[in-house]
C-alpha atoms as a PDB file:
ATOM      1  CA  MET A   1       7.351   5.758  15.366  1.00  0.00           C
ATOM      2  CA  SER A   2       9.001   2.357  15.678  1.00  0.00           C
ATOM      3  CA  ASN A   3      12.693   2.302  14.859  1.00  0.00           C
ATOM      4  CA  LEU A   4      12.707  -1.471  14.491  1.00  0.00           C
ATOM      5  CA  HIS A   5      11.455  -1.487  10.915  1.00  0.00           C
ATOM      6  CA  LYS A   6      14.341  -1.678   8.457  1.00  0.00           C
ATOM      7  CA  SER A   7      13.749  -0.800   4.815  1.00  0.00           C
ATOM      8  CA  ASN A   8      15.699   0.536   1.857  1.00  0.00           C
ATOM      9  CA  ILE A   9      12.666   2.426   0.539  1.00  0.00           C
ATOM     10  CA  GLN A  10      13.283   6.176   0.566  1.00  0.00           C
ATOM     11  CA  ILE A  11      10.587   8.851   0.568  1.00  0.00           C
ATOM     12  CA  SER A  12      10.553  12.420  -0.745  1.00  0.00           C
ATOM     13  CA  ILE A  13       8.034  14.675   1.008  1.00  0.00           C
ATOM     14  CA  ILE A  14       6.604  17.490  -1.121  1.00  0.00           C
ATOM     15  CA  ILE A  15       4.745  20.421   0.458  1.00  0.00           C
ATOM     16  CA  PRO A  16       3.183  23.193  -1.684  1.00  0.00           C
ATOM     17  CA  THR A  17       2.921  26.499   0.177  1.00  0.00           C
ATOM     18  CA  LEU A  18       1.524  30.004  -0.111  1.00  0.00           C
ATOM     19  CA  ASN A  19       1.724  32.225   2.981  1.00  0.00           C
ATOM     20  CA  GLU A  20       1.970  29.349   5.453  1.00  0.00           C
ATOM     21  CA  ALA A  21       4.339  30.988   7.942  1.00  0.00           C
ATOM     22  CA  ALA A  22       2.080  29.979  10.824  1.00  0.00           C
ATOM     23  CA  ASN A  23       2.288  26.279   9.939  1.00  0.00           C
ATOM     24  CA  ILE A  24       5.330  25.375   7.872  1.00  0.00           C
ATOM     25  CA  GLY A  25       8.050  25.479  10.534  1.00  0.00           C
ATOM     26  CA  ARG A  26       6.086  23.282  12.903  1.00  0.00           C
ATOM     27  CA  LEU A  27       5.250  20.822  10.126  1.00  0.00           C
ATOM     28  CA  VAL A  28       8.811  20.469   8.807  1.00  0.00           C
ATOM     29  CA  HIS A  29      10.188  19.933  12.325  1.00  0.00           C
ATOM     30  CA  TYR A  30       7.484  17.348  13.010  1.00  0.00           C
ATOM     31  CA  LEU A  31       8.185  15.460   9.782  1.00  0.00           C
ATOM     32  CA  ARG A  32      11.920  15.402  10.423  1.00  0.00           C
ATOM     33  CA  GLU A  33      11.446  14.198  13.994  1.00  0.00           C
ATOM     34  CA  ASN A  34       9.252  11.273  12.924  1.00  0.00           C
ATOM     35  CA  ALA A  35      10.764  10.299   9.565  1.00  0.00           C
ATOM     36  CA  GLY A  36      13.774   8.363  10.808  1.00  0.00           C
ATOM     37  CA  ALA A  37      16.018   7.222   7.973  1.00  0.00           C
ATOM     38  CA  ALA A  38      13.084   6.777   5.570  1.00  0.00           C
ATOM     39  CA  VAL A  39      12.903  10.407   4.416  1.00  0.00           C
ATOM     40  CA  SER A  40      16.024  11.868   2.839  1.00  0.00           C
ATOM     41  CA  GLU A  41      14.437  15.134   1.707  1.00  0.00           C
ATOM     42  CA  ILE A  42      11.571  17.471   2.505  1.00  0.00           C
ATOM     43  CA  LEU A  43      10.805  19.716  -0.458  1.00  0.00           C
ATOM     44  CA  VAL A  44       8.809  22.882   0.140  1.00  0.00           C
ATOM     45  CA  VAL A  45       7.639  24.413  -3.137  1.00  0.00           C
ATOM     46  CA  ASP A  46       6.530  27.961  -2.487  1.00  0.00           C
ATOM     47  CA  SER A  47       4.566  30.284  -4.752  1.00  0.00           C
ATOM     48  CA  ASN A  48       6.105  33.657  -3.837  1.00  0.00           C
ATOM     49  CA  SER A  49       4.745  33.947  -0.307  1.00  0.00           C
ATOM     50  CA  SER A  50       4.819  37.404   1.237  1.00  0.00           C
ATOM     51  CA  ASP A  51       5.045  36.247   4.869  1.00  0.00           C
ATOM     52  CA  GLY A  52       8.481  34.639   5.001  1.00  0.00           C
ATOM     53  CA  THR A  53       7.335  31.052   4.462  1.00  0.00           C
ATOM     54  CA  PRO A  54      10.387  30.029   2.340  1.00  0.00           C
ATOM     55  CA  GLN A  55      12.904  31.222   4.936  1.00  0.00           C
ATOM     56  CA  ILE A  56      11.040  29.567   7.798  1.00  0.00           C
ATOM     57  CA  ALA A  57      10.890  26.301   5.847  1.00  0.00           C
ATOM     58  CA  SER A  58      14.594  26.479   5.027  1.00  0.00           C
ATOM     59  CA  ASN A  59      15.530  27.226   8.632  1.00  0.00           C
ATOM     60  CA  ALA A  60      13.494  24.205   9.725  1.00  0.00           C
ATOM     61  CA  GLY A  61      15.492  21.922   7.419  1.00  0.00           C
ATOM     62  CA  ALA A  62      13.501  21.771   4.180  1.00  0.00           C
ATOM     63  CA  ARG A  63      14.889  22.252   0.690  1.00  0.00           C
ATOM     64  CA  VAL A  64      12.944  25.163  -0.809  1.00  0.00           C
ATOM     65  CA  HIS A  65      12.005  25.757  -4.433  1.00  0.00           C
ATOM     66  CA  ILE A  66      10.143  28.782  -5.757  1.00  0.00           C
ATOM     67  CA  CYS A  67       7.396  28.161  -8.308  1.00  0.00           C
ATOM     68  CA  GLU A  68       6.403  31.193 -10.346  1.00  0.00           C
ATOM     69  CA  VAL A  69       2.969  29.698 -11.046  1.00  0.00           C
ATOM     70  CA  CYS A  70       0.518  30.075  -8.158  1.00  0.00           C
ATOM     71  CA  SER A  71      -1.047  26.629  -8.451  1.00  0.00           C
ATOM     72  CA  ARG A  72      -0.725  23.568  -6.218  1.00  0.00           C
ATOM     73  CA  ALA A  73      -0.603  21.319  -9.304  1.00  0.00           C
ATOM     74  CA  ALA A  74       2.364  23.217 -10.739  1.00  0.00           C
ATOM     75  CA  GLN A  75       4.072  23.403  -7.349  1.00  0.00           C
ATOM     76  CA  MET A  76       3.716  19.692  -6.645  1.00  0.00           C
ATOM     77  CA  ASN A  77       4.858  18.797 -10.158  1.00  0.00           C
ATOM     78  CA  LEU A  78       7.977  20.893  -9.660  1.00  0.00           C
ATOM     79  CA  GLY A  79       8.638  19.124  -6.393  1.00  0.00           C
ATOM     80  CA  ALA A  80       8.179  15.721  -8.047  1.00  0.00           C
ATOM     81  CA  LYS A  81      10.582  16.636 -10.849  1.00  0.00           C
ATOM     82  CA  THR A  82      13.327  17.538  -8.399  1.00  0.00           C
ATOM     83  CA  ALA A  83      12.648  14.649  -5.987  1.00  0.00           C
ATOM     84  CA  GLN A  84      15.435  12.110  -5.699  1.00  0.00           C
ATOM     85  CA  ASN A  85      13.491   9.148  -4.332  1.00  0.00           C
ATOM     86  CA  ALA A  86      11.187   6.504  -5.760  1.00  0.00           C
ATOM     87  CA  VAL A  87       8.282   7.325  -3.435  1.00  0.00           C
ATOM     88  CA  LEU A  88       6.575  10.720  -3.346  1.00  0.00           C
ATOM     89  CA  TYR A  89       4.529  11.873  -0.354  1.00  0.00           C
ATOM     90  CA  PHE A  90       2.411  15.007  -0.903  1.00  0.00           C
ATOM     91  CA  VAL A  91       1.433  16.861   2.271  1.00  0.00           C
ATOM     92  CA  HIS A  92      -0.485  20.123   2.716  1.00  0.00           C
ATOM     93  CA  ALA A  93       1.059  22.683   5.076  1.00  0.00           C
ATOM     94  CA  ASP A  94      -1.921  22.745   7.461  1.00  0.00           C
ATOM     95  CA  THR A  95      -2.037  18.973   8.005  1.00  0.00           C
ATOM     96  CA  ILE A  96      -0.161  16.733  10.447  1.00  0.00           C
ATOM     97  CA  PRO A  97       0.352  13.084   9.392  1.00  0.00           C
ATOM     98  CA  PRO A  98       0.445  10.271  11.957  1.00  0.00           C
ATOM     99  CA  ARG A  99       3.802   9.831  13.696  1.00  0.00           C
ATOM    100  CA  SER A 100       4.081   6.442  12.002  1.00  0.00           C
ATOM    101  CA  PHE A 101       3.804   7.885   8.482  1.00  0.00           C
ATOM    102  CA  ALA A 102       7.278   6.879   7.257  1.00  0.00           C
ATOM    103  CA  VAL A 103       7.034   3.262   8.416  1.00  0.00           C
ATOM    104  CA  ASP A 104       3.422   3.063   7.194  1.00  0.00           C
ATOM    105  CA  ILE A 105       4.417   4.123   3.683  1.00  0.00           C
ATOM    106  CA  GLN A 106       7.440   1.828   3.583  1.00  0.00           C
ATOM    107  CA  ARG A 107       5.341  -1.160   4.609  1.00  0.00           C
ATOM    108  CA  GLU A 108       2.659  -0.365   2.045  1.00  0.00           C
ATOM    109  CA  MET A 109       5.279  -0.184  -0.706  1.00  0.00           C
ATOM    110  CA  GLU A 110       6.896  -3.417   0.447  1.00  0.00           C
ATOM    111  CA  ALA A 111       3.475  -5.074   0.250  1.00  0.00           C
ATOM    112  CA  GLY A 112       3.133  -4.016  -3.383  1.00  0.00           C
ATOM    113  CA  GLN A 113       0.820  -1.046  -2.891  1.00  0.00           C
ATOM    114  CA  LEU A 114       1.511   1.723  -5.415  1.00  0.00           C
ATOM    115  CA  MET A 115      -0.477   4.629  -4.027  1.00  0.00           C
ATOM    116  CA  GLY A 116      -2.447   5.481  -0.950  1.00  0.00           C
ATOM    117  CA  CYS A 117      -3.540   8.031   1.626  1.00  0.00           C
ATOM    118  CA  TYR A 118      -4.842   8.309   5.192  1.00  0.00           C
ATOM    119  CA  ARG A 119      -8.157   9.075   6.751  1.00  0.00           C
ATOM    120  CA  TYR A 120      -8.357  12.401   8.568  1.00  0.00           C
ATOM    121  CA  GLN A 121      -9.893  14.161  11.510  1.00  0.00           C
ATOM    122  CA  PHE A 122     -10.240  17.892  12.125  1.00  0.00           C
ATOM    123  CA  ASP A 123      -8.480  19.751  14.921  1.00  0.00           C
ATOM    124  CA  SER A 124     -11.895  20.672  16.306  1.00  0.00           C
ATOM    125  CA  PRO A 125     -14.268  18.959  18.774  1.00  0.00           C
ATOM    126  CA  LYS A 126     -17.384  19.911  16.793  1.00  0.00           C
ATOM    127  CA  TRP A 127     -19.534  16.855  16.131  1.00  0.00           C
ATOM    128  CA  ILE A 128     -20.512  18.034  12.646  1.00  0.00           C
ATOM    129  CA  LEU A 129     -16.853  17.943  11.554  1.00  0.00           C
ATOM    130  CA  LYS A 130     -16.504  14.453  13.002  1.00  0.00           C
ATOM    131  CA  PHE A 131     -19.484  13.518  10.837  1.00  0.00           C
ATOM    132  CA  ASN A 132     -17.709  14.944   7.783  1.00  0.00           C
ATOM    133  CA  ALA A 133     -14.519  13.042   8.563  1.00  0.00           C
ATOM    134  CA  PHE A 134     -16.350   9.718   8.926  1.00  0.00           C
ATOM    135  CA  PHE A 135     -16.671   9.310   5.154  1.00  0.00           C
ATOM    136  CA  VAL A 136     -12.986   9.740   4.310  1.00  0.00           C
ATOM    137  CA  ARG A 137     -12.361   6.100   5.247  1.00  0.00           C
ATOM    138  CA  TYR A 138     -13.835   5.047   1.890  1.00  0.00           C
ATOM    139  CA  PRO A 139     -11.893   4.908  -1.417  1.00  0.00           C
ATOM    140  CA  TRP A 140     -14.668   6.541  -3.437  1.00  0.00           C
ATOM    141  CA  LEU A 141     -13.501   9.479  -5.527  1.00  0.00           C
ATOM    142  CA  TRP A 142     -15.734  12.062  -3.843  1.00  0.00           C
ATOM    143  CA  CYS A 143     -14.207  11.088  -0.470  1.00  0.00           C
ATOM    144  CA  GLN A 144     -10.686  12.032  -1.553  1.00  0.00           C
ATOM    145  CA  GLY A 145      -8.717  15.280  -1.523  1.00  0.00           C
ATOM    146  CA  GLY A 146      -5.290  16.604  -0.660  1.00  0.00           C
ATOM    147  CA  ASP A 147      -6.036  16.923   3.061  1.00  0.00           C
ATOM    148  CA  LYS A 148      -5.719  13.135   3.344  1.00  0.00           C
ATOM    149  CA  THR A 149      -2.091  13.442   2.159  1.00  0.00           C
ATOM    150  CA  PHE A 150      -1.084  11.179  -0.739  1.00  0.00           C
ATOM    151  CA  PHE A 151       1.805   8.797  -1.346  1.00  0.00           C
ATOM    152  CA  VAL A 152       2.615   7.275  -4.711  1.00  0.00           C
ATOM    153  CA  LYS A 153       5.445   5.538  -6.517  1.00  0.00           C
ATOM    154  CA  GLN A 154       7.140   8.115  -8.701  1.00  0.00           C
ATOM    155  CA  GLU A 155       6.858   5.876 -11.768  1.00  0.00           C
ATOM    156  CA  ILE A 156       3.070   5.746 -11.323  1.00  0.00           C
ATOM    157  CA  PHE A 157       2.912   9.503 -10.871  1.00  0.00           C
ATOM    158  CA  GLU A 158       4.871   9.937 -14.099  1.00  0.00           C
ATOM    159  CA  GLU A 159       2.778   7.328 -15.917  1.00  0.00           C
ATOM    160  CA  PHE A 160      -0.233   9.644 -15.680  1.00  0.00           C
ATOM    161  CA  GLY A 161       1.754  12.799 -16.379  1.00  0.00           C
ATOM    162  CA  GLY A 162       1.695  14.071 -12.809  1.00  0.00           C
ATOM    163  CA  TYR A 163      -0.943  16.626 -11.896  1.00  0.00           C
ATOM    164  CA  ASP A 164      -2.667  18.245 -14.850  1.00  0.00           C
ATOM    165  CA  GLU A 165      -1.724  21.906 -14.436  1.00  0.00           C
ATOM    166  CA  ARG A 166      -4.950  23.031 -16.092  1.00  0.00           C
ATOM    167  CA  PHE A 167      -6.560  22.106 -12.763  1.00  0.00           C
ATOM    168  CA  ILE A 168      -5.781  25.049 -10.524  1.00  0.00           C
ATOM    169  CA  VAL A 169      -8.217  23.359  -8.139  1.00  0.00           C
ATOM    170  CA  MET A 170      -9.353  19.707  -7.978  1.00  0.00           C
ATOM    171  CA  GLU A 171      -5.936  18.499  -9.158  1.00  0.00           C
ATOM    172  CA  GLU A 172      -5.908  15.520  -6.770  1.00  0.00           C
ATOM    173  CA  TYR A 173      -9.343  14.409  -7.926  1.00  0.00           C
ATOM    174  CA  ASP A 174      -8.299  14.614 -11.564  1.00  0.00           C
ATOM    175  CA  PHE A 175      -5.172  12.530 -10.969  1.00  0.00           C
ATOM    176  CA  LEU A 176      -7.023   9.893  -8.944  1.00  0.00           C
ATOM    177  CA  ARG A 177      -9.888   9.746 -11.435  1.00  0.00           C
ATOM    178  CA  LYS A 178      -7.351   8.487 -13.986  1.00  0.00           C
ATOM    179  CA  ALA A 179      -5.064   6.458 -11.753  1.00  0.00           C
ATOM    180  CA  MET A 180      -7.792   4.594  -9.838  1.00  0.00           C
ATOM    181  CA  LYS A 181      -9.060   3.065 -13.061  1.00  0.00           C
ATOM    182  CA  LYS A 182      -5.833   1.031 -13.163  1.00  0.00           C
ATOM    183  CA  TYR A 183      -4.492   0.937  -9.601  1.00  0.00           C
ATOM    184  CA  PRO A 184      -6.320   0.573  -6.270  1.00  0.00           C
ATOM    185  CA  LEU A 185      -6.072   3.395  -3.758  1.00  0.00           C
ATOM    186  CA  ARG A 186      -5.175   2.181  -0.284  1.00  0.00           C
ATOM    187  CA  VAL A 187      -6.788   4.207   2.524  1.00  0.00           C
ATOM    188  CA  LEU A 188      -4.821   3.628   5.715  1.00  0.00           C
ATOM    189  CA  PRO A 189      -6.827   3.453   8.982  1.00  0.00           C
ATOM    190  CA  GLU A 190      -4.761   6.082  10.825  1.00  0.00           C
ATOM    191  CA  ASN A 191      -5.772   9.751  10.817  1.00  0.00           C
ATOM    192  CA  VAL A 192      -4.104  12.881   9.528  1.00  0.00           C
ATOM    193  CA  LEU A 193      -4.908  15.909  11.669  1.00  0.00           C
ATOM    194  CA  VAL A 194      -6.416  18.625   9.456  1.00  0.00           C
ATOM    195  CA  SER A 195      -6.912  22.294  10.250  1.00  0.00           C
ATOM    196  CA  ALA A 196     -10.537  23.353  10.614  1.00  0.00           C
ATOM    197  CA  ARG A 197      -9.660  26.954   9.701  1.00  0.00           C
ATOM    198  CA  LYS A 198     -11.892  26.924   6.607  1.00  0.00           C
ATOM    199  CA  TYR A 199     -14.886  26.076   8.788  1.00  0.00           C
ATOM    200  CA  GLU A 200     -13.870  28.657  11.390  1.00  0.00           C
ATOM    201  CA  HIS A 201     -14.078  31.444   8.804  1.00  0.00           C
ATOM    202  CA  ASN A 202     -17.191  30.150   7.040  1.00  0.00           C
ATOM    203  CA  SER A 203     -20.336  28.339   8.112  1.00  0.00           C
ATOM    204  CA  TRP A 204     -20.409  24.538   7.870  1.00  0.00           C
ATOM    205  CA  LEU A 205     -23.231  24.740   5.330  1.00  0.00           C
ATOM    206  CA  ARG A 206     -21.389  27.226   3.131  1.00  0.00           C
ATOM    207  CA  VAL A 207     -18.265  25.053   3.020  1.00  0.00           C
ATOM    208  CA  GLN A 208     -20.362  21.995   2.173  1.00  0.00           C
ATOM    209  CA  LEU A 209     -22.143  23.817  -0.631  1.00  0.00           C
ATOM    210  CA  ALA A 210     -18.787  25.016  -1.975  1.00  0.00           C
ATOM    211  CA  ASN A 211     -17.368  21.475  -1.881  1.00  0.00           C
ATOM    212  CA  ILE A 212     -20.416  19.859  -3.467  1.00  0.00           C
ATOM    213  CA  GLY A 213     -20.613  22.540  -6.128  1.00  0.00           C
ATOM    214  CA  ALA A 214     -16.920  22.288  -7.028  1.00  0.00           C
ATOM    215  CA  PHE A 215     -16.998  18.494  -7.212  1.00  0.00           C
ATOM    216  CA  SER A 216     -20.149  18.533  -9.338  1.00  0.00           C
ATOM    217  CA  MET A 217     -18.625  21.060 -11.721  1.00  0.00           C
ATOM    218  CA  PHE A 218     -15.506  18.892 -11.916  1.00  0.00           C
ATOM    219  CA  ARG A 219     -17.566  15.819 -12.832  1.00  0.00           C
ATOM    220  CA  TRP A 220     -19.517  17.817 -15.417  1.00  0.00           C
ATOM    221  CA  GLY A 221     -16.282  18.907 -17.108  1.00  0.00           C
ATOM    222  CA  VAL A 222     -16.516  22.602 -16.264  1.00  0.00           C
ATOM    223  CA  GLU A 223     -13.316  24.556 -16.963  1.00  0.00           C
ATOM    224  CA  PRO A 224     -11.021  24.598 -13.901  1.00  0.00           C
ATOM    225  CA  ILE A 225     -10.803  28.399 -13.798  1.00  0.00           C
ATOM    226  CA  LYS A 226     -14.600  28.571 -13.477  1.00  0.00           C
ATOM    227  CA  ILE A 227     -14.524  25.985 -10.687  1.00  0.00           C
ATOM    228  CA  LYS A 228     -11.934  28.062  -8.823  1.00  0.00           C
ATOM    229  CA  ARG A 229     -13.937  31.263  -9.248  1.00  0.00           C
ATOM    230  CA  PHE A 230     -17.046  29.537  -7.927  1.00  0.00           C
ATOM    231  CA  TYR A 231     -15.184  28.077  -4.950  1.00  0.00           C
ATOM    232  CA  GLN A 232     -13.542  31.374  -4.050  1.00  0.00           C
ATOM    233  CA  SER A 233     -16.844  33.205  -4.366  1.00  0.00           C
ATOM    234  CA  MET A 234     -18.403  30.851  -1.828  1.00  0.00           C
ATOM    235  CA  LEU A 235     -15.750  31.156   0.866  1.00  0.00           C
ATOM    236  CA  SER A 236     -14.165  34.074   2.685  1.00  0.00           C
ATOM    237  CA  LYS A 237     -10.831  32.223   3.198  1.00  0.00           C
END
């Protein structure tokens, strides 16, 4: 990351976790090493992990909150409520943003952009996953998702009421479905590195069917709990 960029814009990173002991320490260290002065806080919001995730996150330098509701929407909302900065950056525990993430976000905000994300690539050489990742360069709703990470001005996040906690899955899609009607979503050309663990435990076809089914149910207005049950029934992990 370049240290030449000077900006007063401060970023709060929010990471929802549940049993992410294998990933969270590495991620927090990585974020701190590449954030420079742009990030004043890394907030890990844990949902009662049983594997020591909160302690690992705290030891790595994150501020940890415990959310009694096991839901990414509720966890990320709690993080946003306690965040002290004007820009929120939501990151999943099994993703690694580009080293330039802090400067990228500052520059986007300075240019007047209010919300955005990255493209991504999987940590796997399989060509079929590269095919999947090709489409995340587009701002269409079905090409979104939390794996791309998501930055947003806090005032915009609050304008739409944060994540709707009825959505125990598909919360990012629900927020963007509302917000993109008013504000453009900027998709940055750099890649987040995403874990391919879901595909390692399930066939490519099964994951695709689960994704297509969940998104279709979301668009049809199916109750979120039914979407989650369907998704979980399709995948082993």
